[in-house]
PDB file of N, CA and C in Angstrom:
ATOM      1  N   MET A   1       0.853  -1.174   0.000  1.00  0.00           N
ATOM      2  CA  MET A   1       0.000   0.000   0.000  1.00  0.00           C
ATOM      3  C   MET A   1       0.897   1.233   0.000  1.00  0.00           C
ATOM      4  N   ILE A   2       0.483   2.248  -0.691  1.00  0.00           N
ATOM      5  CA  ILE A   2       1.277   3.477  -0.787  1.00  0.00           C
ATOM      6  C   ILE A   2       0.956   4.410   0.372  1.00  0.00           C
ATOM      7  N   VAL A   3       2.004   4.908   1.007  1.00  0.00           N
ATOM      8  CA  VAL A   3       1.858   5.906   2.065  1.00  0.00           C
ATOM      9  C   VAL A   3       1.746   7.266   1.385  1.00  0.00           C
ATOM     10  N   ARG A   4       0.610   7.926   1.579  1.00  0.00           N
ATOM     11  CA  ARG A   4       0.388   9.240   0.961  1.00  0.00           C
ATOM     12  C   ARG A   4       0.980  10.380   1.783  1.00  0.00           C
ATOM     13  N   LYS A   5       0.878  10.262   3.123  1.00  0.00           N
ATOM     14  CA  LYS A   5       1.342  11.369   3.956  1.00  0.00           C
ATOM     15  C   LYS A   5       1.745  10.847   5.329  1.00  0.00           C
ATOM     16  N   ILE A   6       2.859  11.371   5.814  1.00  0.00           N
ATOM     17  CA  ILE A   6       3.297  11.127   7.180  1.00  0.00           C
ATOM     18  C   ILE A   6       3.447  12.493   7.831  1.00  0.00           C
ATOM     19  N   SER A   7       2.840  12.644   9.013  1.00  0.00           N
ATOM     20  CA  SER A   7       2.982  13.921   9.723  1.00  0.00           C
ATOM     21  C   SER A   7       3.257  13.656  11.194  1.00  0.00           C
ATOM     22  N   PHE A   8       3.807  14.654  11.823  1.00  0.00           N
ATOM     23  CA  PHE A   8       4.241  14.550  13.209  1.00  0.00           C
ATOM     24  C   PHE A   8       3.536  15.613  14.040  1.00  0.00           C
ATOM     25  N   PRO A   9       2.701  15.214  15.008  1.00  0.00           N
ATOM     26  CA  PRO A   9       2.056  16.224  15.851  1.00  0.00           C
ATOM     27  C   PRO A   9       3.074  17.037  16.648  1.00  0.00           C
ATOM     28  N   THR A  10       4.197  16.421  16.988  1.00  0.00           N
ATOM     29  CA  THR A  10       5.327  17.129  17.586  1.00  0.00           C
ATOM     30  C   THR A  10       6.413  17.194  16.517  1.00  0.00           C
ATOM     31  N   PRO A  11       6.817  18.375  16.108  1.00  0.00           N
ATOM     32  CA  PRO A  11       7.848  18.464  15.069  1.00  0.00           C
ATOM     33  C   PRO A  11       9.125  17.735  15.478  1.00  0.00           C
ATOM     34  N   LEU A  12       9.739  17.051  14.533  1.00  0.00           N
ATOM     35  CA  LEU A  12      10.972  16.316  14.821  1.00  0.00           C
ATOM     36  C   LEU A  12      12.060  17.225  15.369  1.00  0.00           C
ATOM     37  N   GLU A  13      12.048  18.491  14.976  1.00  0.00           N
ATOM     38  CA  GLU A  13      13.044  19.438  15.455  1.00  0.00           C
ATOM     39  C   GLU A  13      12.945  19.651  16.969  1.00  0.00           C
ATOM     40  N   MET A  14      11.800  19.315  17.549  1.00  0.00           N
ATOM     41  CA  MET A  14      11.584  19.507  18.985  1.00  0.00           C
ATOM     42  C   MET A  14      12.079  18.315  19.807  1.00  0.00           C
ATOM     43  N   VAL A  15      12.445  17.224  19.140  1.00  0.00           N
ATOM     44  CA  VAL A  15      12.942  16.038  19.836  1.00  0.00           C
ATOM     45  C   VAL A  15      14.366  16.329  20.313  1.00  0.00           C
ATOM     46  N   ALA A  16      14.570  16.259  21.613  1.00  0.00           N
ATOM     47  CA  ALA A  16      15.868  16.623  22.198  1.00  0.00           C
ATOM     48  C   ALA A  16      16.961  15.615  21.849  1.00  0.00           C
ATOM     49  N   ASP A  17      16.634  14.326  21.888  1.00  0.00           N
ATOM     50  CA  ASP A  17      17.626  13.287  21.611  1.00  0.00           C
ATOM     51  C   ASP A  17      17.024  12.312  20.604  1.00  0.00           C
ATOM     52  N   THR A  18      17.393  12.440  19.364  1.00  0.00           N
ATOM     53  CA  THR A  18      16.795  11.624  18.298  1.00  0.00           C
ATOM     54  C   THR A  18      17.150  10.141  18.410  1.00  0.00           C
ATOM     55  N   LYS A  19      18.109   9.804  19.276  1.00  0.00           N
ATOM     56  CA  LYS A  19      18.486   8.392  19.472  1.00  0.00           C
ATOM     57  C   LYS A  19      17.894   7.809  20.753  1.00  0.00           C
ATOM     58  N   ASP A  20      17.166   8.632  21.512  1.00  0.00           N
ATOM     59  CA  ASP A  20      16.583   8.160  22.772  1.00  0.00           C
ATOM     60  C   ASP A  20      15.280   8.896  23.051  1.00  0.00           C
ATOM     61  N   ASP A  21      14.258   8.543  22.282  1.00  0.00           N
ATOM     62  CA  ASP A  21      12.952   9.181  22.482  1.00  0.00           C
ATOM     63  C   ASP A  21      11.900   8.389  21.711  1.00  0.00           C
ATOM     64  N   ASN A  22      10.673   8.856  21.781  1.00  0.00           N
ATOM     65  CA  ASN A  22       9.579   8.267  21.000  1.00  0.00           C
ATOM     66  C   ASN A  22       8.674   9.395  20.546  1.00  0.00           C
ATOM     67  N   ILE A  23       7.899   9.112  19.517  1.00  0.00           N
ATOM     68  CA  ILE A  23       7.071  10.164  18.930  1.00  0.00           C
ATOM     69  C   ILE A  23       5.838   9.542  18.274  1.00  0.00           C
ATOM     70  N   ASP A  24       4.714  10.234  18.383  1.00  0.00           N
ATOM     71  CA  ASP A  24       3.519   9.824  17.648  1.00  0.00           C
ATOM     72  C   ASP A  24       3.685  10.227  16.190  1.00  0.00           C
ATOM     73  N   VAL A  25       3.149   9.396  15.316  1.00  0.00           N
ATOM     74  CA  VAL A  25       3.211   9.677  13.888  1.00  0.00           C
ATOM     75  C   VAL A  25       1.829   9.407  13.293  1.00  0.00           C
ATOM     76  N   PHE A  26       1.342  10.345  12.494  1.00  0.00           N
ATOM     77  CA  PHE A  26       0.095  10.173  11.769  1.00  0.00           C
ATOM     78  C   PHE A  26       0.432   9.704  10.359  1.00  0.00           C
ATOM     79  N   VAL A  27      -0.261   8.674   9.917  1.00  0.00           N
ATOM     80  CA  VAL A  27       0.011   8.075   8.608  1.00  0.00           C
ATOM     81  C   VAL A  27      -1.283   8.017   7.815  1.00  0.00           C
ATOM     82  N   LYS A  28      -1.252   8.519   6.584  1.00  0.00           N
ATOM     83  CA  LYS A  28      -2.404   8.429   5.687  1.00  0.00           C
ATOM     84  C   LYS A  28      -1.992   7.596   4.480  1.00  0.00           C
ATOM     85  N   LEU A  29      -2.809   6.581   4.177  1.00  0.00           N
ATOM     86  CA  LEU A  29      -2.510   5.683   3.071  1.00  0.00           C
ATOM     87  C   LEU A  29      -3.335   6.028   1.840  1.00  0.00           C
ATOM     88  N   GLU A  30      -2.979   5.407   0.743  1.00  0.00           N
ATOM     89  CA  GLU A  30      -3.655   5.665  -0.527  1.00  0.00           C
ATOM     90  C   GLU A  30      -5.137   5.307  -0.489  1.00  0.00           C
ATOM     91  N   ASP A  31      -5.537   4.390   0.396  1.00  0.00           N
ATOM     92  CA  ASP A  31      -6.948   4.010   0.485  1.00  0.00           C
ATOM     93  C   ASP A  31      -7.772   5.006   1.298  1.00  0.00           C
ATOM     94  N   GLY A  32      -7.113   6.064   1.802  1.00  0.00           N
ATOM     95  CA  GLY A  32      -7.810   7.110   2.542  1.00  0.00           C
ATOM     96  C   GLY A  32      -7.804   6.926   4.047  1.00  0.00           C
ATOM     97  N   TYR A  33      -7.433   5.733   4.515  1.00  0.00           N
ATOM     98  CA  TYR A  33      -7.409   5.507   5.956  1.00  0.00           C
ATOM     99  C   TYR A  33      -6.231   6.230   6.590  1.00  0.00           C
ATOM    100  N   SER A  34      -6.456   6.675   7.822  1.00  0.00           N
ATOM    101  CA  SER A  34      -5.397   7.324   8.595  1.00  0.00           C
ATOM    102  C   SER A  34      -5.132   6.512   9.850  1.00  0.00           C
ATOM    103  N   TYR A  35      -3.882   6.448  10.236  1.00  0.00           N
ATOM    104  CA  TYR A  35      -3.457   5.660  11.383  1.00  0.00           C
ATOM    105  C   TYR A  35      -2.566   6.515  12.272  1.00  0.00           C
ATOM    106  N   THR A  36      -2.578   6.207  13.542  1.00  0.00           N
ATOM    107  CA  THR A  36      -1.645   6.811  14.482  1.00  0.00           C
ATOM    108  C   THR A  36      -0.790   5.692  15.046  1.00  0.00           C
ATOM    109  N   VAL A  37       0.522   5.870  14.972  1.00  0.00           N
ATOM    110  CA  VAL A  37       1.446   4.877  15.507  1.00  0.00           C
ATOM    111  C   VAL A  37       2.470   5.588  16.383  1.00  0.00           C
ATOM    112  N   VAL A  38       3.120   4.820  17.233  1.00  0.00           N
ATOM    113  CA  VAL A  38       4.200   5.346  18.059  1.00  0.00           C
ATOM    114  C   VAL A  38       5.505   4.766  17.526  1.00  0.00           C
ATOM    115  N   VAL A  39       6.431   5.653  17.203  1.00  0.00           N
ATOM    116  CA  VAL A  39       7.748   5.248  16.748  1.00  0.00           C
ATOM    117  C   VAL A  39       8.719   5.527  17.894  1.00  0.00           C
ATOM    118  N   VAL A  40       9.529   4.538  18.210  1.00  0.00           N
ATOM    119  CA  VAL A  40      10.418   4.615  19.366  1.00  0.00           C
ATOM    120  C   VAL A  40      11.813   4.141  18.965  1.00  0.00           C
ATOM    121  N   THR A  41      12.825   4.714  19.585  1.00  0.00           N
ATOM    122  CA  THR A  41      14.183   4.222  19.347  1.00  0.00           C
ATOM    123  C   THR A  41      14.467   3.061  20.288  1.00  0.00           C
ATOM    124  N   HIS A  42      15.386   2.203  19.868  1.00  0.00           N
ATOM    125  CA  HIS A  42      15.735   1.069  20.723  1.00  0.00           C
ATOM    126  C   HIS A  42      16.353   1.561  22.037  1.00  0.00           C
ATOM    127  N   GLN A  43      17.088   2.650  22.003  1.00  0.00           N
ATOM    128  CA  GLN A  43      17.663   3.196  23.233  1.00  0.00           C
ATOM    129  C   GLN A  43      16.574   3.684  24.180  1.00  0.00           C
ATOM    130  N   ASN A  44      15.497   4.228  23.636  1.00  0.00           N
ATOM    131  CA  ASN A  44      14.413   4.715  24.478  1.00  0.00           C
ATOM    132  C   ASN A  44      13.717   3.569  25.210  1.00  0.00           C
ATOM    133  N   LEU A  45      13.688   2.391  24.603  1.00  0.00           N
ATOM    134  CA  LEU A  45      13.121   1.230  25.297  1.00  0.00           C
ATOM    135  C   LEU A  45      13.958   0.904  26.535  1.00  0.00           C
ATOM    136  N   ILE A  46      15.265   0.976  26.403  1.00  0.00           N
ATOM    137  CA  ILE A  46      16.146   0.742  27.552  1.00  0.00           C
ATOM    138  C   ILE A  46      15.938   1.831  28.600  1.00  0.00           C
ATOM    139  N   THR A  47      15.827   3.074  28.166  1.00  0.00           N
ATOM    140  CA  THR A  47      15.578   4.182  29.091  1.00  0.00           C
ATOM    141  C   THR A  47      14.275   3.958  29.852  1.00  0.00           C
ATOM    142  N   GLN A  48      13.223   3.519  29.144  1.00  0.00           N
ATOM    143  CA  GLN A  48      11.941   3.256  29.802  1.00  0.00           C
ATOM    144  C   GLN A  48      12.073   2.148  30.850  1.00  0.00           C
ATOM    145  N   MET A  49      12.826   1.087  30.529  1.00  0.00           N
ATOM    146  CA  MET A  49      13.026   0.004  31.499  1.00  0.00           C
ATOM    147  C   MET A  49      13.795   0.505  32.713  1.00  0.00           C
ATOM    148  N   ASN A  50      14.820   1.310  32.485  1.00  0.00           N
ATOM    149  CA  ASN A  50      15.597   1.852  33.600  1.00  0.00           C
ATOM    150  C   ASN A  50      14.738   2.751  34.487  1.00  0.00           C
ATOM    151  N   LYS A  51      13.917   3.590  33.890  1.00  0.00           N
ATOM    152  CA  LYS A  51      13.051   4.483  34.671  1.00  0.00           C
ATOM    153  C   LYS A  51      12.049   3.701  35.512  1.00  0.00           C
ATOM    154  N   SER A  52      11.525   2.614  34.931  1.00  0.00           N
ATOM    155  CA  SER A  52      10.532   1.818  35.658  1.00  0.00           C
ATOM    156  C   SER A  52      11.190   0.765  36.554  1.00  0.00           C
ATOM    157  N   LYS A  53      12.537   0.682  36.487  1.00  0.00           N
ATOM    158  CA  LYS A  53      13.300  -0.299  37.276  1.00  0.00           C
ATOM    159  C   LYS A  53      12.835  -1.723  36.986  1.00  0.00           C
ATOM    160  N   LYS A  54      12.611  -1.994  35.690  1.00  0.00           N
ATOM    161  CA  LYS A  54      12.186  -3.333  35.258  1.00  0.00           C
ATOM    162  C   LYS A  54      13.120  -3.817  34.166  1.00  0.00           C
ATOM    163  N   ASN A  55      13.153  -5.108  33.973  1.00  0.00           N
ATOM    164  CA  ASN A  55      14.004  -5.723  32.961  1.00  0.00           C
ATOM    165  C   ASN A  55      13.258  -6.012  31.671  1.00  0.00           C
ATOM    166  N   PHE A  56      12.117  -5.387  31.501  1.00  0.00           N
ATOM    167  CA  PHE A  56      11.276  -5.607  30.327  1.00  0.00           C
ATOM    168  C   PHE A  56      10.393  -4.398  30.097  1.00  0.00           C
ATOM    169  N   ILE A  57       9.827  -4.333  28.903  1.00  0.00           N
ATOM    170  CA  ILE A  57       8.837  -3.307  28.588  1.00  0.00           C
ATOM    171  C   ILE A  57       7.474  -3.890  28.924  1.00  0.00           C
ATOM    172  N   GLU A  58       6.719  -3.168  29.712  1.00  0.00           N
ATOM    173  CA  GLU A  58       5.395  -3.664  30.083  1.00  0.00           C
ATOM    174  C   GLU A  58       4.493  -3.794  28.862  1.00  0.00           C
ATOM    175  N   ALA A  59       3.549  -4.698  28.937  1.00  0.00           N
ATOM    176  CA  ALA A  59       2.607  -4.929  27.848  1.00  0.00           C
ATOM    177  C   ALA A  59       1.830  -3.656  27.549  1.00  0.00           C
ATOM    178  N   GLY A  60       1.568  -3.444  26.291  1.00  0.00           N
ATOM    179  CA  GLY A  60       0.827  -2.270  25.851  1.00  0.00           C
ATOM    180  C   GLY A  60       0.772  -2.255  24.340  1.00  0.00           C
ATOM    181  N   CYS A  61       0.318  -1.165  23.807  1.00  0.00           N
ATOM    182  CA  CYS A  61       0.247  -1.046  22.355  1.00  0.00           C
ATOM    183  C   CYS A  61       1.641  -1.172  21.758  1.00  0.00           C
ATOM    184  N   PRO A  62       1.733  -1.785  20.595  1.00  0.00           N
ATOM    185  CA  PRO A  62       3.060  -1.999  19.996  1.00  0.00           C
ATOM    186  C   PRO A  62       3.687  -0.713  19.463  1.00  0.00           C
ATOM    187  N   PHE A  63       4.992  -0.758  19.344  1.00  0.00           N
ATOM    188  CA  PHE A  63       5.771   0.353  18.816  1.00  0.00           C
ATOM    189  C   PHE A  63       6.349  -0.044  17.455  1.00  0.00           C
ATOM    190  N   ILE A  64       6.699   0.952  16.678  1.00  0.00           N
ATOM    191  CA  ILE A  64       7.573   0.755  15.529  1.00  0.00           C
ATOM    192  C   ILE A  64       8.946   1.195  16.012  1.00  0.00           C
ATOM    193  N   ILE A  65       9.913   0.287  15.976  1.00  0.00           N
ATOM    194  CA  ILE A  65      11.223   0.543  16.567  1.00  0.00           C
ATOM    195  C   ILE A  65      12.222   0.917  15.478  1.00  0.00           C
ATOM    196  N   VAL A  66      12.922   2.023  15.714  1.00  0.00           N
ATOM    197  CA  VAL A  66      13.924   2.533  14.769  1.00  0.00           C
ATOM    198  C   VAL A  66      15.217   2.845  15.524  1.00  0.00           C
ATOM    199  N   LYS A  67      16.311   2.997  14.771  1.00  0.00           N
ATOM    200  CA  LYS A  67      17.589   3.370  15.389  1.00  0.00           C
ATOM    201  C   LYS A  67      17.611   4.833  15.807  1.00  0.00           C
ATOM    202  N   GLU A  68      16.954   5.672  14.986  1.00  0.00           N
ATOM    203  CA  GLU A  68      16.992   7.108  15.260  1.00  0.00           C
ATOM    204  C   GLU A  68      15.725   7.762  14.720  1.00  0.00           C
ATOM    205  N   LEU A  69      15.279   8.800  15.417  1.00  0.00           N
ATOM    206  CA  LEU A  69      14.083   9.520  15.001  1.00  0.00           C
ATOM    207  C   LEU A  69      14.449  10.572  13.951  1.00  0.00           C
ATOM    208  N   LYS A  70      14.686  10.079  12.761  1.00  0.00           N
ATOM    209  CA  LYS A  70      14.950  10.934  11.607  1.00  0.00           C
ATOM    210  C   LYS A  70      13.866  10.648  10.585  1.00  0.00           C
ATOM    211  N   GLU A  71      13.454  11.679   9.883  1.00  0.00           N
ATOM    212  CA  GLU A  71      12.320  11.558   8.966  1.00  0.00           C
ATOM    213  C   GLU A  71      12.513  10.438   7.944  1.00  0.00           C
ATOM    214  N   ASP A  72      13.694  10.336   7.340  1.00  0.00           N
ATOM    215  CA  ASP A  72      13.904   9.305   6.325  1.00  0.00           C
ATOM    216  C   ASP A  72      13.819   7.899   6.909  1.00  0.00           C
ATOM    217  N   ILE A  73      14.326   7.712   8.119  1.00  0.00           N
ATOM    218  CA  ILE A  73      14.263   6.401   8.775  1.00  0.00           C
ATOM    219  C   ILE A  73      12.822   6.065   9.126  1.00  0.00           C
ATOM    220  N   ILE A  74      12.100   7.033   9.676  1.00  0.00           N
ATOM    221  CA  ILE A  74      10.694   6.812  10.051  1.00  0.00           C
ATOM    222  C   ILE A  74       9.870   6.478   8.814  1.00  0.00           C
ATOM    223  N   LYS A  75      10.073   7.218   7.725  1.00  0.00           N
ATOM    224  CA  LYS A  75       9.332   6.942   6.484  1.00  0.00           C
ATOM    225  C   LYS A  75       9.624   5.545   5.963  1.00  0.00           C
ATOM    226  N   GLU A  76      10.885   5.152   5.995  1.00  0.00           N
ATOM    227  CA  GLU A  76      11.257   3.810   5.529  1.00  0.00           C
ATOM    228  C   GLU A  76      10.589   2.727   6.374  1.00  0.00           C
ATOM    229  N   ALA A  77      10.589   2.912   7.680  1.00  0.00           N
ATOM    230  CA  ALA A  77       9.963   1.931   8.578  1.00  0.00           C
ATOM    231  C   ALA A  77       8.454   1.865   8.346  1.00  0.00           C
ATOM    232  N   ILE A  78       7.820   3.007   8.239  1.00  0.00           N
ATOM    233  CA  ILE A  78       6.365   3.020   8.046  1.00  0.00           C
ATOM    234  C   ILE A  78       5.998   2.431   6.696  1.00  0.00           C
ATOM    235  N   GLN A  79       6.769   2.705   5.662  1.00  0.00           N
ATOM    236  CA  GLN A  79       6.491   2.100   4.361  1.00  0.00           C
ATOM    237  C   GLN A  79       6.590   0.575   4.453  1.00  0.00           C
ATOM    238  N   SER A  80       7.542   0.079   5.225  1.00  0.00           N
ATOM    239  CA  SER A  80       7.662  -1.364   5.426  1.00  0.00           C
ATOM    240  C   SER A  80       6.400  -1.920   6.088  1.00  0.00           C
ATOM    241  N   TYR A  81       5.878  -1.203   7.079  1.00  0.00           N
ATOM    242  CA  TYR A  81       4.646  -1.631   7.748  1.00  0.00           C
ATOM    243  C   TYR A  81       3.431  -1.515   6.819  1.00  0.00           C
ATOM    244  N   ALA A  82       3.530  -0.698   5.783  1.00  0.00           N
ATOM    245  CA  ALA A  82       2.415  -0.514   4.840  1.00  0.00           C
ATOM    246  C   ALA A  82       2.447  -1.532   3.695  1.00  0.00           C
ATOM    247  N   ASP A  83       3.535  -2.281   3.575  1.00  0.00           N
ATOM    248  CA  ASP A  83       3.596  -3.314   2.541  1.00  0.00           C
ATOM    249  C   ASP A  83       2.545  -4.385   2.806  1.00  0.00           C
ATOM    250  N   GLU A  84       2.287  -5.197   1.804  1.00  0.00           N
ATOM    251  CA  GLU A  84       1.332  -6.310   1.912  1.00  0.00           C
ATOM    252  C   GLU A  84      -0.042  -5.823   2.393  1.00  0.00           C
ATOM    253  N   ASP A  85      -0.562  -4.822   1.683  1.00  0.00           N
ATOM    254  CA  ASP A  85      -1.880  -4.250   1.986  1.00  0.00           C
ATOM    255  C   ASP A  85      -1.945  -3.678   3.405  1.00  0.00           C
ATOM    256  N   ALA A  86      -0.807  -3.205   3.887  1.00  0.00           N
ATOM    257  CA  ALA A  86      -0.691  -2.528   5.190  1.00  0.00           C
ATOM    258  C   ALA A  86      -1.044  -3.433   6.370  1.00  0.00           C
ATOM    259  N   TYR A  87      -0.795  -4.713   6.211  1.00  0.00           N
ATOM    260  CA  TYR A  87      -1.149  -5.676   7.270  1.00  0.00           C
ATOM    261  C   TYR A  87      -0.597  -5.253   8.633  1.00  0.00           C
ATOM    262  N   TRP A  88       0.722  -5.009   8.719  1.00  0.00           N
ATOM    263  CA  TRP A  88       1.341  -4.714  10.020  1.00  0.00           C
ATOM    264  C   TRP A  88       0.949  -3.338  10.540  1.00  0.00           C
ATOM    265  N   LEU A  89       0.736  -2.399   9.664  1.00  0.00           N
ATOM    266  CA  LEU A  89       0.286  -1.080  10.090  1.00  0.00           C
ATOM    267  C   LEU A  89      -1.131  -1.165  10.654  1.00  0.00           C
ATOM    268  N   LYS A  90      -1.995  -1.906   9.978  1.00  0.00           N
ATOM    269  CA  LYS A  90      -3.369  -2.078  10.460  1.00  0.00           C
ATOM    270  C   LYS A  90      -3.392  -2.819  11.794  1.00  0.00           C
ATOM    271  N   LEU A  91      -2.591  -3.888  11.894  1.00  0.00           N
ATOM    272  CA  LEU A  91      -2.548  -4.648  13.144  1.00  0.00           C
ATOM    273  C   LEU A  91      -2.038  -3.771  14.286  1.00  0.00           C
ATOM    274  N   ASN A  92      -0.982  -3.024  14.037  1.00  0.00           N
ATOM    275  CA  ASN A  92      -0.423  -2.118  15.031  1.00  0.00           C
ATOM    276  C   ASN A  92      -1.482  -1.118  15.487  1.00  0.00           C
ATOM    277  N   HIS A  93      -2.131  -0.498  14.529  1.00  0.00           N
ATOM    278  CA  HIS A  93      -3.131   0.533  14.832  1.00  0.00           C
ATOM    279  C   HIS A  93      -4.346  -0.043  15.561  1.00  0.00           C
ATOM    280  N   LEU A  94      -4.818  -1.191  15.118  1.00  0.00           N
ATOM    281  CA  LEU A  94      -6.038  -1.771  15.682  1.00  0.00           C
ATOM    282  C   LEU A  94      -5.819  -2.505  16.997  1.00  0.00           C
ATOM    283  N   SER A  95      -4.578  -2.716  17.389  1.00  0.00           N
ATOM    284  CA  SER A  95      -4.319  -3.465  18.620  1.00  0.00           C
ATOM    285  C   SER A  95      -5.017  -2.849  19.828  1.00  0.00           C
ATOM    286  N   SER A  96      -5.165  -1.555  19.840  1.00  0.00           N
ATOM    287  CA  SER A  96      -5.835  -0.904  20.968  1.00  0.00           C
ATOM    288  C   SER A  96      -7.344  -1.146  20.967  1.00  0.00           C
ATOM    289  N   GLU A  97      -7.883  -1.640  19.859  1.00  0.00           N
ATOM    290  CA  GLU A  97      -9.319  -1.896  19.767  1.00  0.00           C
ATOM    291  C   GLU A  97      -9.705  -3.296  20.258  1.00  0.00           C
ATOM    292  N   PHE A  98      -8.712  -4.172  20.367  1.00  0.00           N
ATOM    293  CA  PHE A  98      -8.999  -5.522  20.860  1.00  0.00           C
ATOM    294  C   PHE A  98      -9.306  -5.465  22.345  1.00  0.00           C
ATOM    295  N   ASN A  99     -10.198  -6.324  22.766  1.00  0.00           N
ATOM    296  CA  ASN A  99     -10.424  -6.511  24.192  1.00  0.00           C
ATOM    297  C   ASN A  99     -10.425  -8.012  24.455  1.00  0.00           C
ATOM    298  N   ILE A 100     -10.475  -8.406  25.702  1.00  0.00           N
ATOM    299  CA  ILE A 100     -10.341  -9.816  26.042  1.00  0.00           C
ATOM    300  C   ILE A 100     -11.479 -10.653  25.454  1.00  0.00           C
ATOM    301  N   LYS A 101     -12.677 -10.074  25.348  1.00  0.00           N
ATOM    302  CA  LYS A 101     -13.809 -10.812  24.784  1.00  0.00           C
ATOM    303  C   LYS A 101     -13.530 -11.152  23.319  1.00  0.00           C
ATOM    304  N   VAL A 102     -13.081 -10.177  22.559  1.00  0.00           N
ATOM    305  CA  VAL A 102     -12.774 -10.402  21.143  1.00  0.00           C
ATOM    306  C   VAL A 102     -11.661 -11.436  21.005  1.00  0.00           C
ATOM    307  N   LEU A 103     -10.622 -11.312  21.805  1.00  0.00           N
ATOM    308  CA  LEU A 103      -9.518 -12.262  21.738  1.00  0.00           C
ATOM    309  C   LEU A 103      -9.955 -13.676  22.117  1.00  0.00           C
ATOM    310  N   ASN A 104     -10.784 -13.793  23.131  1.00  0.00           N
ATOM    311  CA  ASN A 104     -11.279 -15.112  23.528  1.00  0.00           C
ATOM    312  C   ASN A 104     -12.145 -15.731  22.432  1.00  0.00           C
ATOM    313  N   GLU A 105     -12.957 -14.914  21.771  1.00  0.00           N
ATOM    314  CA  GLU A 105     -13.757 -15.413  20.658  1.00  0.00           C
ATOM    315  C   GLU A 105     -12.868 -15.916  19.526  1.00  0.00           C
ATOM    316  N   MET A 106     -11.819 -15.190  19.244  1.00  0.00           N
ATOM    317  CA  MET A 106     -10.883 -15.620  18.197  1.00  0.00           C
ATOM    318  C   MET A 106     -10.207 -16.941  18.599  1.00  0.00           C
ATOM    319  N   MET A 107      -9.829 -17.060  19.851  1.00  0.00           N
ATOM    320  CA  MET A 107      -9.207 -18.301  20.332  1.00  0.00           C
ATOM    321  C   MET A 107     -10.178 -19.464  20.254  1.00  0.00           C
ATOM    322  N   ASP A 108     -11.450 -19.213  20.588  1.00  0.00           N
ATOM    323  CA  ASP A 108     -12.465 -20.268  20.505  1.00  0.00           C
ATOM    324  C   ASP A 108     -12.629 -20.757  19.065  1.00  0.00           C
ATOM    325  N   LYS A 109     -12.599 -19.838  18.109  1.00  0.00           N
ATOM    326  CA  LYS A 109     -12.711 -20.223  16.699  1.00  0.00           C
ATOM    327  C   LYS A 109     -11.522 -21.082  16.269  1.00  0.00           C
ATOM    328  N   LEU A 110     -10.354 -20.752  16.766  1.00  0.00           N
ATOM    329  CA  LEU A 110      -9.167 -21.545  16.440  1.00  0.00           C
ATOM    330  C   LEU A 110      -9.261 -22.949  17.015  1.00  0.00           C
ATOM    331  N   ALA A 111      -9.903 -23.073  18.153  1.00  0.00           N
ATOM    332  CA  ALA A 111     -10.014 -24.378  18.834  1.00  0.00           C
ATOM    333  C   ALA A 111     -11.036 -25.304  18.179  1.00  0.00           C
ATOM    334  N   GLU A 112     -11.881 -24.755  17.333  1.00  0.00           N
ATOM    335  CA  GLU A 112     -12.942 -25.585  16.707  1.00  0.00           C
ATOM    336  C   GLU A 112     -12.370 -26.547  15.701  1.00  0.00           C
TER     337      GLU A 112
END
């Protein structure tokens, strides 16, 4: 799927450390759908674990992980998520819409 537009609610110029931070990204695809994703650096994941004094990232909505918060890197990563009819971008975006009832129903269907 073709990515028509990527925008940043917080300008990239405002990111203090492009190798240790995360940012929301708005993505509009050729089919007209818009998605919001969180792009995070691998160093920021370590920073988050250190701040929470845990050896893991707590469960939550998924991230798109990049080496650095630079526009070209973010665009490349998002385009990768938009390949194959935007499967991974849609899954990432819709993950917040799942609830335990929906997941249990899906598991029950698999068990049939």
